Amino acid sequence: MNIAHLKAKILDLAVRGKLTEQRPEEGSAEELLERIREEKQRLIAEGKLKKEKPLPEITEDEIPFNIPAGWKWVRLGEIGTWQAGCTPDTTRKDFYENGTIPWINSADLTDGYIDTITHYVTEKAFAEKKMRLNKTGAVCVAMYGATIGKTGILTVDATTNQAVCVCNLLSSMDSKYLFYFLQFHKPFFVMKGFGGAQPNISKEKIENTPFPLPPLAEQKRIVEKIEAIFKQADIIEENRLALKTAVRHTKSRVLDLAIRGKLTEQRPEEGSAEELLERIREEKQRRIAEGKLKKEKPLPEITEEEIPFDIPAGWKWVRLGSYLDVRDGTHDSPKYYSQGIPFVTAKNLRNGEIDFSTCSYISESDHRKFSERSFVEDGDILMAMIGSIGNPVIVKKDRNFSIKNVLLLKRYALEYTNMKYVYYFFYYMQDILGKNARGGVQRFVGLNSFRELLFPLPPLAEQKRIVEKIEQIFDTLDTIEKAVE
C-alpha cells in the first residue's frame, strides 16, 4: 500500500464532495459566499481592507470536475485576502538583530503547522518595508523554485518573504479545508510554474484558481473525515515500517545463528571441515603443479585471541584465502567507449545483482589484459571493497565483463565449495566490514584483509542444509513483507 497515493486519493474525494454526505439544512455555499462578501465590504468600509479589482467570473471551461448541489465554484481570491511578503535588506543588521517579528520563508513550509520559527525581523524593518502581519491560522503556500505548492498554517502572527503567499481567511471559512485543498492542488501549481528560468507561480495565479466551496459546516466535517483517515493511514505506515525493520533484524539474527552453527543440527557422518579443507588443499596443489595457479605466501596461523565466537565440533575457523581464491579487479583507469565490454565497479553491484545499465565500456584488448588478473566466471562472488562495502553478488554470467576495485572470490575446487554459504556469510558481514574499513572519504577494505578474514567453515553437506534453512526462512519473511507493501 502506497500511503502517499492513498492520501492523494482521499483529498481528491474530499474536494469533490464524495467523502461526506450533503445536508441541505446546513445551508448552501451561495449563502456562505454572500456572508463572506458582506464581511469584506464591512472591513473595507472600516478601512481594514483595501478594495481590490473584481475577479473574473468562472467560465465553464475552467471547471475541472462536478461538485454537489449546494456547493459553488469560486476563485481563491474571493474567500480571503492573499498577500506575499518581502525580504528586507540583508546587509542591514538593524533589520534582523534581536528581531521579534516571525519572518516565514518557503523552507518553513512543511505541509503542516509552522511551529518552528527560525527567522525574525525587527519592528524597524517591518515599518520601513511596510511589511504586513498575517494572523495565526492563516494558510501559506510557496510560490518559487523546488518548494512550489508546499503549504503551512501559521501558529503565530507572522510576516513572510516574497516567496510565500498567505491567505488571511474571513470568519466564514475553515482554514484547514483551504489547507487540504492547496495540498490537493499542489501538482497543478507545479505544472503552472514551469516555463521560466526558475519555476514560479504568482499571487494572481493563486487568486484566480477555481476553488470548490462547500457550506461551512460541511467544510468542518470534511476536515474531520480527512484527518481521521490520515491518522489511520499514518498508523498503518508506522506499522509497515516497523514490520520492515523487524524483518531486517530477523534476517540478520538468522544469519548470525547460521554462521554459529545454531540453525542446523550437526551430523558426524557428514565428515568434518578439516577433511573438506584437506581436499581443497590437494586440489589447490594440483593446480599449482599444473601451472594453472600461482603459489602464494602462506597465511598467518589463527590465534586464540582472534576467534570471535565458538563454533560446533566438526567445523573449523579458517582464513578466507585458504578456502577461496581471493582476488580483486584491476586498479587501472582505461579509456572508455560508447560501446564495448562492460566495466563493472562497486556502484554496479545492487540488491544481489549486477546492474549493467550504468556501466562504462572498455575495449576488447583492455578486457583481455584485465582478465589475466581477474577473469570472472559463472558462480564467482563479487563484492564492493571500496565506498559502500558489501553488496555481494553471485555471478550469473551471460556476457563478458571486466571489474575494477571489486573483490572477486573464486573456487579452488567447484565440487567442494558452496558459494551460497559464502554469499550469506558476506551478507551478514557487510556491516561489520564497513565499520572496520580504512580511509577517509573513500573508505576501503584491502585485499589482504579479505584473504586473512576469519571464516567459519562447516562440512560441505551442512553448508547446503544451512543455505536451505536460510532461504526457507527468508522466503517466509519476504512473503510477510510483501503482504504489507
Protein backbone atom coordinates (compact mmCIF):
# COMPACT_ATOMS: atom_id res chain seq x y z
CA MET A 1 0.00 0.00 0.00
CA ASN A 2 1.37 3.40 -1.01
CA ILE A 3 0.30 5.77 1.77
CA ALA A 4 1.13 8.91 -0.26
CA HIS A 5 -1.14 7.72 -3.09
CA LEU A 6 -3.87 6.85 -0.60
CA LYS A 7 -3.75 10.32 0.94
CA ALA A 8 -3.83 11.94 -2.50
CA LYS A 9 -6.94 9.91 -3.35
CA ILE A 10 -8.63 10.93 -0.09
CA LEU A 11 -8.00 14.61 -0.86
CA ASP A 12 -9.36 14.10 -4.37
CA LEU A 13 -12.58 12.59 -2.99
CA ALA A 14 -12.81 15.32 -0.34
CA VAL A 15 -12.74 18.29 -2.73
CA ARG A 16 -15.30 16.56 -4.99
CA GLY A 17 -17.76 16.22 -2.11
CA LYS A 18 -17.53 12.41 -2.11
CA LEU A 19 -16.10 11.99 1.37
CA THR A 20 -19.11 13.38 3.25
CA GLU A 21 -22.86 13.47 2.90
CA GLN A 22 -24.53 16.74 1.92
CA ARG A 23 -27.06 18.19 4.39
CA PRO A 24 -29.42 20.83 2.97
CA GLU A 25 -30.15 22.11 6.49
CA GLU A 26 -26.54 23.33 6.69
CA GLY A 27 -27.27 25.97 4.06
CA SER A 28 -25.52 26.48 0.74
CA ALA A 29 -22.17 27.74 -0.48
CA GLU A 30 -24.02 30.61 -2.20
CA GLU A 31 -25.27 31.80 1.19
CA LEU A 32 -21.78 31.37 2.65
CA LEU A 33 -20.25 33.37 -0.19
CA GLU A 34 -22.75 36.16 0.43
CA ARG A 35 -21.68 36.34 4.10
CA ILE A 36 -18.02 36.47 3.01
CA ARG A 37 -18.79 39.35 0.63
CA GLU A 38 -20.66 41.22 3.37
CA GLU A 39 -17.74 40.78 5.77
CA LYS A 40 -15.31 42.03 3.11
CA GLN A 41 -17.45 45.12 2.47
CA ARG A 42 -17.61 45.86 6.19
CA LEU A 43 -13.82 45.61 6.56
CA ILE A 44 -13.33 47.85 3.51
CA ALA A 45 -15.72 50.41 4.97
CA GLU A 46 -13.79 50.31 8.27
CA GLY A 47 -10.52 50.88 6.40
CA LYS A 48 -9.15 47.50 7.49
CA LEU A 49 -9.12 46.09 3.98
CA LYS A 50 -8.16 47.57 0.64
CA LYS A 51 -10.73 47.38 -2.14
CA GLU A 52 -9.45 45.20 -4.97
CA LYS A 53 -10.32 44.78 -8.62
CA PRO A 54 -13.16 42.22 -9.02
CA LEU A 55 -12.08 38.77 -10.17
CA PRO A 56 -13.50 37.45 -13.46
CA GLU A 57 -16.46 35.08 -13.46
CA ILE A 58 -15.56 31.40 -13.70
CA THR A 59 -16.20 30.03 -17.18
CA GLU A 60 -17.47 26.54 -18.00
CA ASP A 61 -14.08 25.64 -19.48
CA GLU A 62 -12.31 26.31 -16.18
CA ILE A 63 -14.42 23.87 -14.14
CA PRO A 64 -12.31 20.68 -13.70
CA PHE A 65 -14.98 18.39 -12.20
CA ASN A 66 -18.55 18.25 -10.92
CA ILE A 67 -19.38 19.18 -7.33
CA PRO A 68 -22.54 18.56 -5.28
CA ALA A 69 -25.62 20.75 -5.34
CA GLY A 70 -25.22 23.28 -2.56
CA TRP A 71 -21.51 23.74 -3.33
CA LYS A 72 -20.17 26.51 -5.57
CA TRP A 73 -17.14 27.12 -7.75
CA VAL A 74 -15.46 30.37 -6.68
CA ARG A 75 -11.97 31.82 -7.07
CA LEU A 76 -9.48 31.56 -4.22
CA GLY A 77 -9.25 35.33 -4.18
CA GLU A 78 -12.92 35.52 -3.14
CA ILE A 79 -12.61 33.63 0.16
CA GLY A 80 -9.93 35.72 1.86
CA THR A 81 -7.16 38.24 1.36
CA TRP A 82 -3.94 36.99 -0.25
CA GLN A 83 -0.61 38.72 0.18
CA ALA A 84 3.07 37.96 -0.34
CA GLY A 85 5.84 39.43 1.78
CA CYS A 86 9.32 40.75 1.11
CA THR A 87 12.96 40.38 2.15
CA PRO A 88 14.38 43.43 3.94
CA ASP A 89 17.95 44.40 3.02
CA THR A 90 20.06 41.54 4.43
CA THR A 91 23.07 43.84 4.88
CA ARG A 92 21.12 45.92 7.41
CA LYS A 93 21.83 44.42 10.84
CA ASP A 94 19.20 46.69 12.38
CA PHE A 95 16.60 44.84 10.27
CA TYR A 96 17.42 41.43 11.79
CA GLU A 97 19.44 41.55 15.03
CA ASN A 98 17.23 40.93 18.09
CA GLY A 99 14.19 40.80 15.82
CA THR A 100 10.88 39.88 17.46
CA ILE A 101 8.54 39.53 14.48
CA PRO A 102 8.45 35.99 12.98
CA TRP A 103 9.51 36.04 9.32
CA ILE A 104 8.49 32.96 7.34
CA ASN A 105 10.17 31.73 4.16
CA SER A 106 9.33 28.79 1.89
CA ALA A 107 11.76 26.46 3.70
CA ASP A 108 9.48 26.76 6.76
CA LEU A 109 6.54 25.24 4.86
CA THR A 110 6.36 21.51 5.56
CA ASP A 111 2.70 20.75 4.72
CA GLY A 112 1.67 21.12 8.35
CA TYR A 113 1.58 23.61 11.19
CA ILE A 114 4.51 26.05 11.18
CA ASP A 115 5.59 25.60 14.78
CA THR A 116 9.33 26.17 14.43
CA ILE A 117 10.30 29.77 13.73
CA THR A 118 13.91 30.22 12.62
CA HIS A 119 13.98 33.81 11.33
CA TYR A 120 12.82 37.12 12.76
CA VAL A 121 12.82 40.74 11.62
CA THR A 122 12.84 43.89 13.72
CA GLU A 123 10.00 46.36 14.12
CA LYS A 124 12.20 48.85 12.22
CA ALA A 125 12.35 46.54 9.18
CA PHE A 126 8.63 45.85 9.46
CA ALA A 127 7.78 49.55 9.47
CA GLU A 128 10.28 50.77 6.84
CA LYS A 129 9.47 47.98 4.35
CA LYS A 130 5.73 48.29 5.02
CA MET A 131 5.53 44.58 5.76
CA ARG A 132 2.19 43.00 6.61
CA LEU A 133 1.34 40.84 9.58
CA ASN A 134 -0.60 37.65 8.91
CA LYS A 135 -2.81 36.24 11.65
CA THR A 136 -2.43 32.95 13.48
CA GLY A 137 -4.30 30.32 11.46
CA ALA A 138 -3.53 31.96 8.09
CA VAL A 139 -2.68 29.48 5.33
CA CYS A 140 0.63 29.80 3.45
CA VAL A 141 1.69 28.44 0.06
CA ALA A 142 5.16 28.56 -1.54
CA MET A 143 5.42 30.23 -4.96
CA TYR A 144 9.02 29.74 -6.12
CA GLY A 145 11.51 27.04 -7.07
CA ALA A 146 11.58 23.49 -5.76
CA THR A 147 9.12 24.28 -2.97
CA ILE A 148 6.22 25.39 -5.22
CA GLY A 149 2.92 24.32 -3.69
CA LYS A 150 4.31 23.50 -0.23
CA THR A 151 1.85 24.63 2.42
CA GLY A 152 1.73 25.59 6.08
CA ILE A 153 -0.59 27.02 8.73
CA LEU A 154 0.68 29.84 10.95
CA THR A 155 0.74 29.13 14.68
CA VAL A 156 1.74 32.73 15.48
CA ASP A 157 1.18 36.11 13.88
CA ALA A 158 3.95 36.42 11.27
CA THR A 159 5.18 38.15 8.15
CA THR A 160 6.79 36.37 5.18
CA ASN A 161 9.30 36.80 2.40
CA GLN A 162 8.32 37.26 -1.25
CA ALA A 163 8.36 33.50 -1.96
CA VAL A 164 5.39 32.84 0.31
CA CYS A 165 1.79 33.83 -0.38
CA VAL A 166 -0.58 33.90 2.59
CA CYS A 167 -4.36 33.76 2.77
CA ASN A 168 -5.92 35.51 5.74
CA LEU A 169 -9.35 33.92 5.73
CA LEU A 170 -12.52 35.65 6.71
CA SER A 171 -14.50 34.29 9.66
CA SER A 172 -16.87 32.26 7.48
CA MET A 173 -14.17 29.85 6.22
CA ASP A 174 -12.39 26.85 7.73
CA SER A 175 -8.63 27.33 7.29
CA LYS A 176 -7.92 23.59 7.31
CA TYR A 177 -10.29 22.95 4.41
CA LEU A 178 -8.33 25.52 2.37
CA PHE A 179 -5.06 23.94 3.59
CA TYR A 180 -6.12 20.49 2.36
CA PHE A 181 -7.38 21.89 -0.94
CA LEU A 182 -3.98 23.50 -1.53
CA GLN A 183 -2.31 20.16 -0.84
CA PHE A 184 -4.63 18.52 -3.37
CA HIS A 185 -3.91 21.30 -5.88
CA LYS A 186 -0.11 21.24 -5.49
CA PRO A 187 0.57 19.22 -8.71
CA PHE A 188 -1.41 21.81 -10.68
CA PHE A 189 0.55 24.70 -9.17
CA VAL A 190 3.77 22.86 -10.07
CA MET A 191 2.61 22.48 -13.69
CA LYS A 192 1.64 26.15 -13.88
CA GLY A 193 5.06 27.12 -12.52
CA PHE A 194 7.09 25.71 -15.41
CA GLY A 195 8.29 27.90 -18.24
CA GLY A 196 10.86 30.31 -16.84
CA ALA A 197 14.44 30.01 -15.62
CA GLN A 198 13.08 29.33 -12.13
CA PRO A 199 9.65 27.72 -11.75
CA ASN A 200 7.21 30.04 -10.02
CA ILE A 201 3.58 30.95 -9.62
CA SER A 202 2.27 34.42 -8.84
CA LYS A 203 -0.21 35.74 -6.31
CA GLU A 204 -2.51 36.50 -9.23
CA LYS A 205 -2.43 32.87 -10.43
CA ILE A 206 -3.28 31.69 -6.94
CA GLU A 207 -6.14 34.17 -6.53
CA ASN A 208 -7.62 33.16 -9.89
CA THR A 209 -7.56 29.42 -9.12
CA PRO A 210 -11.07 27.86 -9.13
CA PHE A 211 -12.00 26.55 -5.67
CA PRO A 212 -14.83 24.12 -4.75
CA LEU A 213 -16.64 25.87 -1.88
CA PRO A 214 -18.87 23.77 0.42
CA PRO A 215 -21.07 25.15 3.22
CA LEU A 216 -19.03 25.94 6.35
CA ALA A 217 -20.44 23.06 8.44
CA GLU A 218 -19.57 20.60 5.67
CA GLN A 219 -16.05 22.06 5.41
CA LYS A 220 -15.55 21.15 9.07
CA ARG A 221 -16.91 17.62 8.56
CA ILE A 222 -14.66 17.14 5.53
CA VAL A 223 -11.62 18.18 7.58
CA GLU A 224 -12.60 15.79 10.39
CA LYS A 225 -13.02 12.94 7.89
CA ILE A 226 -9.68 13.65 6.18
CA GLU A 227 -7.81 13.77 9.47
CA ALA A 228 -9.44 10.59 10.80
CA ILE A 229 -8.43 8.68 7.65
CA PHE A 230 -4.95 10.23 7.58
CA LYS A 231 -4.43 9.22 11.22
CA GLN A 232 -5.29 5.60 10.40
CA ALA A 233 -3.08 5.74 7.29
CA ASP A 234 -0.16 7.01 9.39
CA ILE A 235 -0.67 4.17 11.89
CA ILE A 236 -0.65 1.67 9.01
CA GLU A 237 2.54 3.23 7.63
CA GLU A 238 4.23 3.19 11.04
CA ASN A 239 3.30 -0.49 11.45
CA ARG A 240 4.52 -1.25 7.93
CA LEU A 241 7.87 0.42 8.59
CA ALA A 242 8.12 -1.33 11.96
CA LEU A 243 7.46 -4.67 10.25
CA LYS A 244 10.12 -3.98 7.61
CA THR A 245 12.58 -3.16 10.39
CA ALA A 246 11.60 -6.33 12.25
CA VAL A 247 12.08 -8.40 9.08
CA ARG A 248 15.53 -6.87 8.53
CA HIS A 249 16.55 -7.57 12.13
CA THR A 250 15.17 -11.12 11.94
CA LYS A 251 17.19 -11.83 8.79
CA SER A 252 20.31 -10.55 10.50
CA ARG A 253 19.61 -12.77 13.50
CA VAL A 254 19.02 -15.81 11.25
CA LEU A 255 22.39 -15.26 9.57
CA ASP A 256 24.05 -14.80 12.95
CA LEU A 257 22.68 -18.17 14.10
CA ALA A 258 23.63 -19.74 10.76
CA ILE A 259 27.34 -18.91 10.92
CA ARG A 260 27.50 -20.05 14.56
CA GLY A 261 26.12 -23.48 13.66
CA LYS A 262 22.88 -22.91 15.59
CA LEU A 263 20.46 -23.07 12.67
CA THR A 264 21.09 -26.71 11.81
CA GLU A 265 21.98 -29.92 13.58
CA GLN A 266 25.48 -31.31 13.22
CA ARG A 267 25.84 -34.79 11.71
CA PRO A 268 29.21 -36.53 12.28
CA GLU A 269 28.57 -38.86 9.35
CA GLU A 270 28.84 -35.84 7.02
CA GLY A 271 32.54 -35.57 7.78
CA SER A 272 34.44 -32.58 9.11
CA ALA A 273 35.56 -29.17 7.89
CA GLU A 274 39.16 -30.35 8.36
CA GLU A 275 38.60 -33.14 5.81
CA LEU A 276 36.91 -30.68 3.44
CA LEU A 277 39.80 -28.24 3.75
CA GLU A 278 42.32 -31.02 3.08
CA ARG A 279 40.56 -31.91 -0.20
CA ILE A 280 40.66 -28.24 -1.21
CA ARG A 281 44.38 -28.06 -0.37
CA GLU A 282 45.01 -31.11 -2.56
CA GLU A 283 43.10 -29.55 -5.48
CA LYS A 284 44.95 -26.28 -4.96
CA GLN A 285 48.36 -28.05 -5.02
CA ARG A 286 47.41 -29.95 -8.17
CA ARG A 287 46.52 -26.71 -9.98
CA ILE A 288 49.75 -25.07 -8.80
CA ALA A 289 51.73 -28.05 -10.10
CA GLU A 290 49.95 -27.77 -13.47
CA GLY A 291 50.80 -24.05 -13.66
CA LYS A 292 47.13 -23.05 -13.51
CA LEU A 293 47.51 -21.28 -10.18
CA LYS A 294 50.24 -19.12 -8.71
CA LYS A 295 51.72 -20.19 -5.39
CA GLU A 296 51.03 -17.58 -2.72
CA LYS A 297 52.67 -16.61 0.53
CA PRO A 298 51.34 -18.74 3.44
CA LEU A 299 48.62 -17.09 5.51
CA PRO A 300 49.29 -16.48 9.23
CA GLU A 301 48.12 -19.06 11.75
CA ILE A 302 44.88 -18.20 13.57
CA THR A 303 45.47 -17.23 17.21
CA GLU A 304 43.08 -17.89 20.09
CA GLU A 305 42.59 -14.14 20.60
CA GLU A 306 41.25 -13.68 17.06
CA ILE A 307 38.38 -16.17 17.36
CA PRO A 308 35.14 -14.14 17.78
CA PHE A 309 32.80 -16.94 18.92
CA ASP A 310 32.56 -20.69 19.41
CA ILE A 311 31.57 -22.97 16.55
CA PRO A 312 30.49 -26.63 16.62
CA ALA A 313 32.84 -29.59 16.72
CA GLY A 314 33.42 -30.64 13.14
CA TRP A 315 33.58 -27.01 11.98
CA LYS A 316 36.84 -25.10 11.59
CA TRP A 317 37.98 -21.50 11.71
CA VAL A 318 39.99 -20.82 8.55
CA ARG A 319 41.42 -17.83 6.75
CA LEU A 320 39.22 -16.99 3.78
CA GLY A 321 42.23 -17.21 1.47
CA SER A 322 42.81 -20.85 2.42
CA TYR A 323 39.28 -21.79 1.31
CA LEU A 324 38.77 -19.46 -1.66
CA ASP A 325 40.88 -17.81 -4.33
CA VAL A 326 40.63 -14.16 -3.20
CA ARG A 327 41.38 -11.57 -5.88
CA ASP A 328 40.27 -8.11 -6.94
CA GLY A 329 39.72 -6.28 -10.20
CA THR A 330 42.12 -4.00 -12.00
CA HIS A 331 43.25 -0.75 -10.40
CA ASP A 332 43.85 0.84 -13.82
CA SER A 333 41.67 3.54 -15.38
CA PRO A 334 41.29 2.56 -19.04
CA LYS A 335 39.82 4.62 -21.84
CA TYR A 336 36.03 4.45 -22.01
CA TYR A 337 33.92 3.95 -25.15
CA SER A 338 30.24 4.30 -26.02
CA GLN A 339 30.09 0.54 -26.53
CA GLY A 340 32.31 -2.48 -25.96
CA ILE A 341 32.96 -4.67 -22.93
CA PRO A 342 31.08 -3.64 -19.73
CA PHE A 343 33.38 -2.36 -16.99
CA VAL A 344 31.84 -3.21 -13.60
CA THR A 345 32.66 -1.19 -10.47
CA ALA A 346 31.24 -1.16 -6.94
CA LYS A 347 28.36 1.15 -7.95
CA ASN A 348 27.04 -1.54 -10.32
CA LEU A 349 26.51 -4.09 -7.53
CA ARG A 350 22.94 -3.70 -6.27
CA ASN A 351 20.48 -5.95 -4.46
CA GLY A 352 22.37 -9.14 -5.23
CA GLU A 353 22.70 -8.39 -8.95
CA ILE A 354 24.99 -6.61 -11.40
CA ASP A 355 23.36 -3.51 -12.87
CA PHE A 356 24.85 -3.26 -16.35
CA SER A 357 22.63 -0.29 -17.31
CA THR A 358 25.03 2.23 -15.75
CA CYS A 359 28.30 0.56 -16.78
CA SER A 360 31.06 2.25 -18.73
CA TYR A 361 32.57 0.31 -21.64
CA ILE A 362 36.17 -0.64 -22.43
CA SER A 363 37.97 -2.12 -25.43
CA GLU A 364 38.36 -5.84 -26.12
CA SER A 365 42.14 -5.55 -25.71
CA ASP A 366 41.83 -3.94 -22.25
CA HIS A 367 39.34 -6.64 -21.28
CA ARG A 368 41.81 -9.38 -22.27
CA LYS A 369 44.57 -7.67 -20.27
CA PHE A 370 42.40 -7.29 -17.15
CA SER A 371 41.14 -10.88 -17.47
CA GLU A 372 44.66 -12.18 -16.92
CA ARG A 373 44.39 -10.87 -13.37
CA SER A 374 40.69 -11.31 -12.66
CA PHE A 375 38.66 -13.29 -15.17
CA VAL A 376 35.09 -13.55 -13.83
CA GLU A 377 33.33 -16.89 -14.19
CA ASP A 378 29.79 -18.10 -13.55
CA GLY A 379 29.29 -18.75 -9.83
CA ASP A 380 32.04 -16.39 -8.65
CA ILE A 381 31.20 -13.82 -5.99
CA LEU A 382 31.76 -10.09 -6.46
CA MET A 383 31.61 -7.57 -3.64
CA ALA A 384 32.33 -3.87 -3.17
CA MET A 385 35.58 -3.31 -1.27
CA ILE A 386 35.64 0.48 -1.69
CA GLY A 387 32.97 3.01 -0.68
CA SER A 388 29.79 1.19 0.38
CA ILE A 389 31.46 -2.04 1.50
CA GLY A 390 29.40 -5.14 0.78
CA ASN A 391 26.57 -5.76 -1.71
CA PRO A 392 27.70 -9.33 -2.51
CA VAL A 393 26.63 -10.80 -5.85
CA ILE A 394 26.80 -14.40 -7.08
CA VAL A 395 27.65 -14.06 -10.77
CA LYS A 396 25.18 -15.49 -13.28
CA LYS A 397 27.30 -14.90 -16.32
CA ASP A 398 25.51 -14.12 -19.58
CA ARG A 399 28.19 -11.81 -21.05
CA ASN A 400 31.87 -10.99 -20.73
CA PHE A 401 32.84 -8.07 -18.49
CA SER A 402 35.79 -6.74 -16.53
CA ILE A 403 35.91 -5.43 -12.98
CA LYS A 404 37.68 -2.58 -11.20
CA ASN A 405 38.34 -2.30 -7.45
CA VAL A 406 35.83 -5.08 -6.79
CA LEU A 407 36.50 -8.15 -4.63
CA LEU A 408 36.46 -11.39 -6.65
CA LEU A 409 36.01 -14.73 -4.85
CA LYS A 410 36.72 -17.84 -6.92
CA ARG A 411 36.59 -21.54 -6.03
CA TYR A 412 39.70 -23.67 -5.83
CA ALA A 413 37.50 -26.75 -6.13
CA LEU A 414 33.98 -26.47 -7.55
CA GLU A 415 32.70 -29.73 -6.08
CA TYR A 416 33.90 -28.82 -2.58
CA THR A 417 32.59 -25.24 -2.36
CA ASN A 418 29.08 -23.92 -1.70
CA MET A 419 29.17 -20.29 -2.86
CA LYS A 420 25.71 -19.57 -1.48
CA TYR A 421 27.02 -20.22 2.02
CA VAL A 422 29.86 -17.80 1.29
CA TYR A 423 27.34 -15.28 -0.09
CA TYR A 424 25.21 -15.37 3.09
CA PHE A 425 28.34 -15.10 5.24
CA PHE A 426 29.23 -11.82 3.50
CA TYR A 427 25.60 -10.67 3.51
CA TYR A 428 25.87 -10.93 7.31
CA MET A 429 29.39 -9.46 7.48
CA GLN A 430 28.94 -6.36 5.31
CA ASP A 431 28.02 -4.03 8.20
CA ILE A 432 30.94 -5.31 10.28
CA LEU A 433 33.34 -4.89 7.35
CA GLY A 434 32.01 -1.38 6.70
CA LYS A 435 32.66 -0.34 10.30
CA ASN A 436 36.23 -1.66 10.12
CA ALA A 437 37.03 -0.10 6.74
CA ARG A 438 40.01 2.25 6.48
CA GLY A 439 40.42 5.60 4.77
CA GLY A 440 38.70 8.96 4.79
CA VAL A 441 36.15 9.98 2.17
CA GLN A 442 36.63 6.78 0.13
CA ARG A 443 36.71 4.01 2.75
CA PHE A 444 38.05 0.60 1.76
CA VAL A 445 38.94 -2.91 2.93
CA GLY A 446 42.25 -4.13 1.48
CA LEU A 447 42.72 -7.40 -0.40
CA ASN A 448 44.99 -8.86 2.29
CA SER A 449 42.34 -8.11 4.92
CA PHE A 450 39.90 -10.25 2.95
CA ARG A 451 42.46 -13.04 2.48
CA GLU A 452 43.15 -13.10 6.22
CA LEU A 453 39.47 -12.75 7.21
CA LEU A 454 38.29 -15.45 9.64
CA PHE A 455 35.68 -17.73 8.08
CA PRO A 456 33.58 -20.33 9.99
CA LEU A 457 33.77 -23.42 7.78
CA PRO A 458 31.20 -26.22 8.22
CA PRO A 459 31.27 -29.59 6.42
CA LEU A 460 30.02 -29.28 2.84
CA ALA A 461 26.74 -31.15 3.41
CA GLU A 462 25.93 -28.93 6.37
CA GLN A 463 26.67 -25.81 4.30
CA LYS A 464 23.95 -26.98 1.91
CA ARG A 465 21.47 -27.53 4.75
CA ILE A 466 22.31 -24.12 6.24
CA VAL A 467 21.62 -22.41 2.90
CA GLU A 468 18.31 -24.28 2.51
CA LYS A 469 17.24 -23.25 6.03
CA ILE A 470 18.21 -19.60 5.47
CA GLU A 471 16.31 -19.43 2.18
CA GLN A 472 13.25 -21.13 3.65
CA ILE A 473 13.07 -18.56 6.47
CA PHE A 474 13.91 -15.63 4.16
CA ASP A 475 11.14 -16.67 1.73
CA THR A 476 8.62 -16.62 4.58
CA LEU A 477 9.84 -13.22 5.78
CA ASP A 478 9.72 -11.80 2.23
CA THR A 479 6.14 -13.06 1.83
CA ILE A 480 5.13 -11.32 5.06
CA GLU A 481 6.86 -8.10 3.98
CA LYS A 482 5.25 -8.09 0.52
CA ALA A 483 1.81 -8.54 2.09
CA VAL A 484 2.00 -5.05 3.61
CA GLU A 485 3.56 -3.25 0.65
